[in-house]
N, C-alpha and C. Protein backbone atom coordinates (compact mmCIF):
# COMPACT_ATOMS: atom_id res chain seq x y z
N MET A 1 90.76 93.36 73.76
CA MET A 1 91.77 93.98 74.55
C MET A 1 91.88 93.30 75.91
N GLU A 2 90.79 92.81 76.43
CA GLU A 2 90.84 92.12 77.73
C GLU A 2 91.73 90.89 77.68
N SER A 3 91.55 90.07 76.66
CA SER A 3 92.35 88.85 76.57
C SER A 3 93.82 89.17 76.32
N ALA A 4 94.07 90.21 75.53
CA ALA A 4 95.46 90.60 75.26
C ALA A 4 96.13 91.11 76.54
N THR A 5 95.39 91.86 77.35
CA THR A 5 95.93 92.36 78.62
C THR A 5 96.17 91.21 79.59
N ALA A 6 95.23 90.29 79.64
CA ALA A 6 95.39 89.12 80.52
C ALA A 6 96.61 88.31 80.10
N ALA A 7 96.85 88.21 78.79
CA ALA A 7 98.01 87.46 78.30
C ALA A 7 99.30 88.11 78.75
N VAL A 8 99.35 89.44 78.75
CA VAL A 8 100.56 90.14 79.20
C VAL A 8 100.84 89.81 80.66
N GLY A 9 99.80 89.76 81.46
CA GLY A 9 99.96 89.49 82.89
C GLY A 9 100.30 88.06 83.23
N SER A 10 100.07 87.14 82.29
CA SER A 10 100.29 85.73 82.60
C SER A 10 101.54 85.13 81.95
N VAL A 11 102.31 85.94 81.25
CA VAL A 11 103.50 85.44 80.57
C VAL A 11 104.57 85.09 81.59
N PRO A 12 105.20 83.91 81.48
CA PRO A 12 106.29 83.56 82.39
C PRO A 12 107.44 84.56 82.30
N VAL A 13 108.05 84.85 83.43
CA VAL A 13 109.11 85.85 83.52
C VAL A 13 110.25 85.56 82.55
N GLU A 14 110.58 84.30 82.36
CA GLU A 14 111.74 83.94 81.55
C GLU A 14 111.48 84.02 80.05
N ASP A 15 110.24 84.12 79.64
CA ASP A 15 109.89 84.05 78.22
C ASP A 15 109.73 85.44 77.62
N PHE A 16 110.86 86.07 77.29
CA PHE A 16 110.82 87.44 76.78
C PHE A 16 110.15 87.52 75.41
N ALA A 17 110.33 86.51 74.57
CA ALA A 17 109.71 86.51 73.24
C ALA A 17 108.18 86.49 73.36
N GLU A 18 107.67 85.67 74.26
CA GLU A 18 106.22 85.60 74.46
C GLU A 18 105.70 86.90 75.08
N ALA A 19 106.48 87.49 75.98
CA ALA A 19 106.07 88.77 76.58
C ALA A 19 105.98 89.84 75.50
N ARG A 20 106.95 89.86 74.60
CA ARG A 20 106.94 90.83 73.50
C ARG A 20 105.72 90.61 72.60
N ALA A 21 105.43 89.36 72.29
CA ALA A 21 104.27 89.04 71.44
C ALA A 21 102.97 89.46 72.13
N ALA A 22 102.88 89.23 73.43
CA ALA A 22 101.67 89.63 74.17
C ALA A 22 101.53 91.14 74.19
N MET A 23 102.62 91.85 74.37
CA MET A 23 102.57 93.31 74.34
C MET A 23 102.17 93.82 72.96
N ASP A 24 102.66 93.17 71.91
CA ASP A 24 102.28 93.55 70.55
C ASP A 24 100.78 93.34 70.33
N ARG A 25 100.25 92.20 70.79
CA ARG A 25 98.81 91.94 70.63
C ARG A 25 97.99 92.99 71.37
N ARG A 26 98.44 93.38 72.54
CA ARG A 26 97.71 94.40 73.30
C ARG A 26 97.78 95.75 72.58
N ALA A 27 98.93 96.08 72.04
CA ALA A 27 99.06 97.35 71.30
C ALA A 27 98.13 97.36 70.08
N TRP A 28 98.03 96.22 69.39
CA TRP A 28 97.12 96.15 68.23
C TRP A 28 95.67 96.33 68.67
N ALA A 29 95.30 95.74 69.81
CA ALA A 29 93.93 95.86 70.32
C ALA A 29 93.64 97.32 70.67
N ILE A 30 94.60 98.00 71.26
CA ILE A 30 94.42 99.41 71.59
C ILE A 30 94.28 100.23 70.32
N ALA A 31 95.09 99.94 69.31
CA ALA A 31 95.00 100.65 68.04
C ALA A 31 93.64 100.43 67.37
N ASP A 32 93.15 99.20 67.42
CA ASP A 32 91.82 98.91 66.85
C ASP A 32 90.74 99.69 67.58
N LEU A 33 90.84 99.75 68.90
CA LEU A 33 89.86 100.48 69.69
C LEU A 33 89.92 101.97 69.37
N ALA A 34 91.12 102.51 69.25
CA ALA A 34 91.28 103.92 68.90
C ALA A 34 90.70 104.22 67.53
N ALA A 35 90.86 103.30 66.58
CA ALA A 35 90.30 103.49 65.24
C ALA A 35 88.78 103.52 65.30
N MET A 36 88.19 102.66 66.11
CA MET A 36 86.73 102.65 66.26
C MET A 36 86.24 103.97 66.83
N VAL A 37 86.94 104.49 67.82
CA VAL A 37 86.55 105.76 68.43
C VAL A 37 86.69 106.89 67.41
N ALA A 38 87.78 106.87 66.65
CA ALA A 38 88.01 107.91 65.65
C ALA A 38 86.94 107.89 64.56
N GLU A 39 86.44 106.72 64.21
CA GLU A 39 85.41 106.60 63.20
C GLU A 39 84.04 107.02 63.73
N GLY A 40 83.92 107.14 65.04
CA GLY A 40 82.66 107.55 65.63
C GLY A 40 81.59 106.48 65.55
N VAL A 41 81.95 105.24 65.79
CA VAL A 41 81.01 104.13 65.75
C VAL A 41 79.92 104.38 66.81
N ALA A 42 78.66 104.35 66.39
CA ALA A 42 77.54 104.56 67.30
C ALA A 42 77.29 103.30 68.12
N VAL A 43 77.20 103.48 69.44
CA VAL A 43 76.99 102.35 70.35
C VAL A 43 75.75 102.66 71.20
N PRO A 44 74.82 101.72 71.27
CA PRO A 44 73.64 101.93 72.12
C PRO A 44 74.04 102.14 73.59
N GLU A 45 73.20 102.86 74.33
CA GLU A 45 73.50 103.22 75.71
C GLU A 45 73.81 102.00 76.59
N GLN A 46 73.01 100.94 76.49
CA GLN A 46 73.24 99.74 77.31
C GLN A 46 74.61 99.13 77.01
N ALA A 47 74.92 99.02 75.75
CA ALA A 47 76.20 98.44 75.35
C ALA A 47 77.35 99.35 75.78
N ARG A 48 77.13 100.65 75.76
CA ARG A 48 78.18 101.60 76.13
C ARG A 48 78.62 101.39 77.58
N GLU A 49 77.66 101.20 78.48
CA GLU A 49 77.99 100.96 79.89
C GLU A 49 78.78 99.66 80.06
N GLN A 50 78.38 98.64 79.34
CA GLN A 50 79.10 97.36 79.42
C GLN A 50 80.52 97.53 78.87
N ILE A 51 80.65 98.25 77.76
CA ILE A 51 81.97 98.48 77.16
C ILE A 51 82.86 99.26 78.12
N LEU A 52 82.30 100.30 78.74
CA LEU A 52 83.09 101.09 79.69
C LEU A 52 83.54 100.25 80.89
N SER A 53 82.67 99.40 81.36
CA SER A 53 83.02 98.52 82.47
C SER A 53 84.16 97.57 82.07
N ARG A 54 84.06 97.01 80.89
CA ARG A 54 85.12 96.10 80.41
C ARG A 54 86.43 96.85 80.21
N LEU A 55 86.35 98.08 79.71
CA LEU A 55 87.57 98.88 79.52
C LEU A 55 88.21 99.21 80.87
N ARG A 56 87.40 99.48 81.88
CA ARG A 56 87.95 99.75 83.22
C ARG A 56 88.67 98.52 83.76
N ARG A 57 88.09 97.35 83.56
CA ARG A 57 88.75 96.11 84.01
C ARG A 57 90.05 95.88 83.24
N ALA A 58 90.03 96.16 81.94
CA ALA A 58 91.25 96.01 81.13
C ALA A 58 92.31 97.01 81.58
N LEU A 59 91.88 98.21 81.93
CA LEU A 59 92.82 99.22 82.43
C LEU A 59 93.49 98.75 83.71
N GLU A 60 92.70 98.22 84.63
CA GLU A 60 93.26 97.73 85.89
C GLU A 60 94.21 96.55 85.66
N ALA A 61 93.81 95.64 84.78
CA ALA A 61 94.69 94.51 84.46
C ALA A 61 95.97 95.01 83.80
N GLY A 62 95.86 96.05 83.00
CA GLY A 62 97.05 96.65 82.37
C GLY A 62 97.98 97.24 83.40
N ARG A 63 97.42 97.86 84.42
CA ARG A 63 98.26 98.42 85.50
C ARG A 63 99.00 97.30 86.23
N VAL A 64 98.30 96.22 86.50
CA VAL A 64 98.94 95.08 87.18
C VAL A 64 100.06 94.51 86.30
N ALA A 65 99.77 94.35 85.00
CA ALA A 65 100.78 93.82 84.08
C ALA A 65 101.97 94.77 83.98
N GLU A 66 101.70 96.06 83.98
CA GLU A 66 102.79 97.04 83.91
C GLU A 66 103.69 96.93 85.14
N GLN A 67 103.09 96.80 86.32
CA GLN A 67 103.87 96.65 87.55
C GLN A 67 104.72 95.39 87.50
N ARG A 68 104.14 94.33 86.97
CA ARG A 68 104.87 93.06 86.85
C ARG A 68 106.06 93.21 85.90
N LEU A 69 105.83 93.88 84.76
CA LEU A 69 106.91 94.07 83.80
C LEU A 69 108.01 94.97 84.37
N VAL A 70 107.64 95.97 85.15
CA VAL A 70 108.65 96.83 85.79
C VAL A 70 109.49 96.01 86.76
N SER A 71 108.85 95.13 87.53
CA SER A 71 109.62 94.31 88.48
C SER A 71 110.53 93.33 87.74
N ILE A 72 110.07 92.80 86.61
CA ILE A 72 110.91 91.90 85.81
C ILE A 72 112.11 92.66 85.28
N ARG A 73 111.86 93.86 84.78
CA ARG A 73 112.95 94.69 84.25
C ARG A 73 113.96 95.01 85.34
N SER A 74 113.47 95.36 86.52
CA SER A 74 114.37 95.67 87.64
C SER A 74 115.21 94.46 88.04
N ALA A 75 114.55 93.31 88.10
CA ALA A 75 115.27 92.08 88.45
C ALA A 75 116.34 91.76 87.41
N ALA A 76 116.03 91.97 86.14
CA ALA A 76 117.01 91.71 85.08
C ALA A 76 118.19 92.68 85.20
N ALA A 77 117.92 93.93 85.54
CA ALA A 77 119.00 94.92 85.69
C ALA A 77 119.90 94.57 86.86
N VAL A 78 119.29 94.14 87.96
CA VAL A 78 120.08 93.74 89.13
C VAL A 78 120.95 92.54 88.80
N GLU A 79 120.37 91.54 88.12
CA GLU A 79 121.14 90.36 87.77
C GLU A 79 122.28 90.71 86.81
N TRP A 80 121.99 91.56 85.83
CA TRP A 80 123.03 91.97 84.89
C TRP A 80 124.16 92.67 85.63
N SER A 81 123.82 93.54 86.58
CA SER A 81 124.82 94.26 87.35
C SER A 81 125.69 93.30 88.15
N GLN A 82 125.06 92.31 88.77
CA GLN A 82 125.83 91.33 89.55
C GLN A 82 126.80 90.56 88.66
N TRP A 83 126.33 90.10 87.51
CA TRP A 83 127.21 89.35 86.61
C TRP A 83 128.30 90.25 86.03
N SER A 84 127.97 91.51 85.80
CA SER A 84 128.98 92.45 85.32
C SER A 84 130.08 92.64 86.35
N ASN A 85 129.68 92.76 87.62
CA ASN A 85 130.68 92.89 88.69
C ASN A 85 131.54 91.64 88.79
N ILE A 86 130.96 90.48 88.68
CA ILE A 86 131.72 89.23 88.72
C ILE A 86 132.70 89.17 87.55
N TYR A 87 132.23 89.53 86.37
CA TYR A 87 133.08 89.52 85.18
C TYR A 87 134.28 90.44 85.37
N ARG A 88 134.03 91.66 85.86
CA ARG A 88 135.14 92.60 86.09
C ARG A 88 136.07 92.11 87.17
N ALA A 89 135.53 91.51 88.23
CA ALA A 89 136.36 91.01 89.33
C ALA A 89 137.27 89.88 88.88
N LEU A 90 136.80 89.11 87.90
CA LEU A 90 137.61 88.00 87.39
C LEU A 90 138.60 88.45 86.32
N GLY A 91 138.68 89.72 86.06
CA GLY A 91 139.66 90.21 85.09
C GLY A 91 139.03 90.58 83.77
N GLY A 92 137.79 90.32 83.60
CA GLY A 92 136.98 90.72 82.44
C GLY A 92 137.69 90.76 81.11
N SER A 93 138.29 91.88 80.80
CA SER A 93 138.86 92.07 79.46
C SER A 93 140.32 91.67 79.37
N ALA A 94 140.92 91.22 80.44
CA ALA A 94 142.33 90.82 80.42
C ALA A 94 142.42 89.31 80.56
N PRO A 95 142.35 88.55 79.43
CA PRO A 95 142.30 87.10 79.51
C PRO A 95 143.55 86.45 80.11
N ASN A 96 144.72 87.10 80.06
CA ASN A 96 145.94 86.51 80.57
C ASN A 96 146.21 86.89 82.03
N SER A 97 145.31 87.66 82.61
CA SER A 97 145.51 88.11 83.98
C SER A 97 145.23 86.98 84.97
N THR A 98 146.09 86.88 85.98
CA THR A 98 145.86 85.87 87.03
C THR A 98 145.38 86.54 88.31
N ARG A 99 145.22 87.85 88.28
CA ARG A 99 144.78 88.61 89.44
C ARG A 99 143.25 88.57 89.53
N VAL A 100 142.75 88.30 90.72
CA VAL A 100 141.30 88.30 90.97
C VAL A 100 141.01 89.36 92.01
N ASP A 101 140.15 90.30 91.68
CA ASP A 101 139.77 91.35 92.61
C ASP A 101 138.55 90.89 93.40
N PHE A 102 138.78 90.36 94.59
CA PHE A 102 137.69 89.83 95.38
C PHE A 102 137.12 90.86 96.35
N CYS A 103 137.67 92.07 96.34
CA CYS A 103 137.18 93.12 97.23
C CYS A 103 135.96 93.84 96.64
N GLY A 104 135.80 93.78 95.33
CA GLY A 104 134.64 94.24 94.64
C GLY A 104 134.38 95.65 94.55
């Protein structure tokens, strides 16, 4: 789960397919972890502390990745809105129109 979370945080903003694949890998890792917990796998005390520490680090990395994805989503929405306004100002659905609304 750590490597899957790190992958989510390191995906380039422009690569939506890779971001989706990284999110899928992280979801599978979480599902595998949940299955282990549901099965009641016995873990020695020393290993349990190490596992909890690693899970806390993965949780923090997940929070960072989530914030990054939210900012990417916001940026994409802003860009879409700007291009939508430009499209409408140029006459959008009226291909024969020569009128340009530059007041916006």
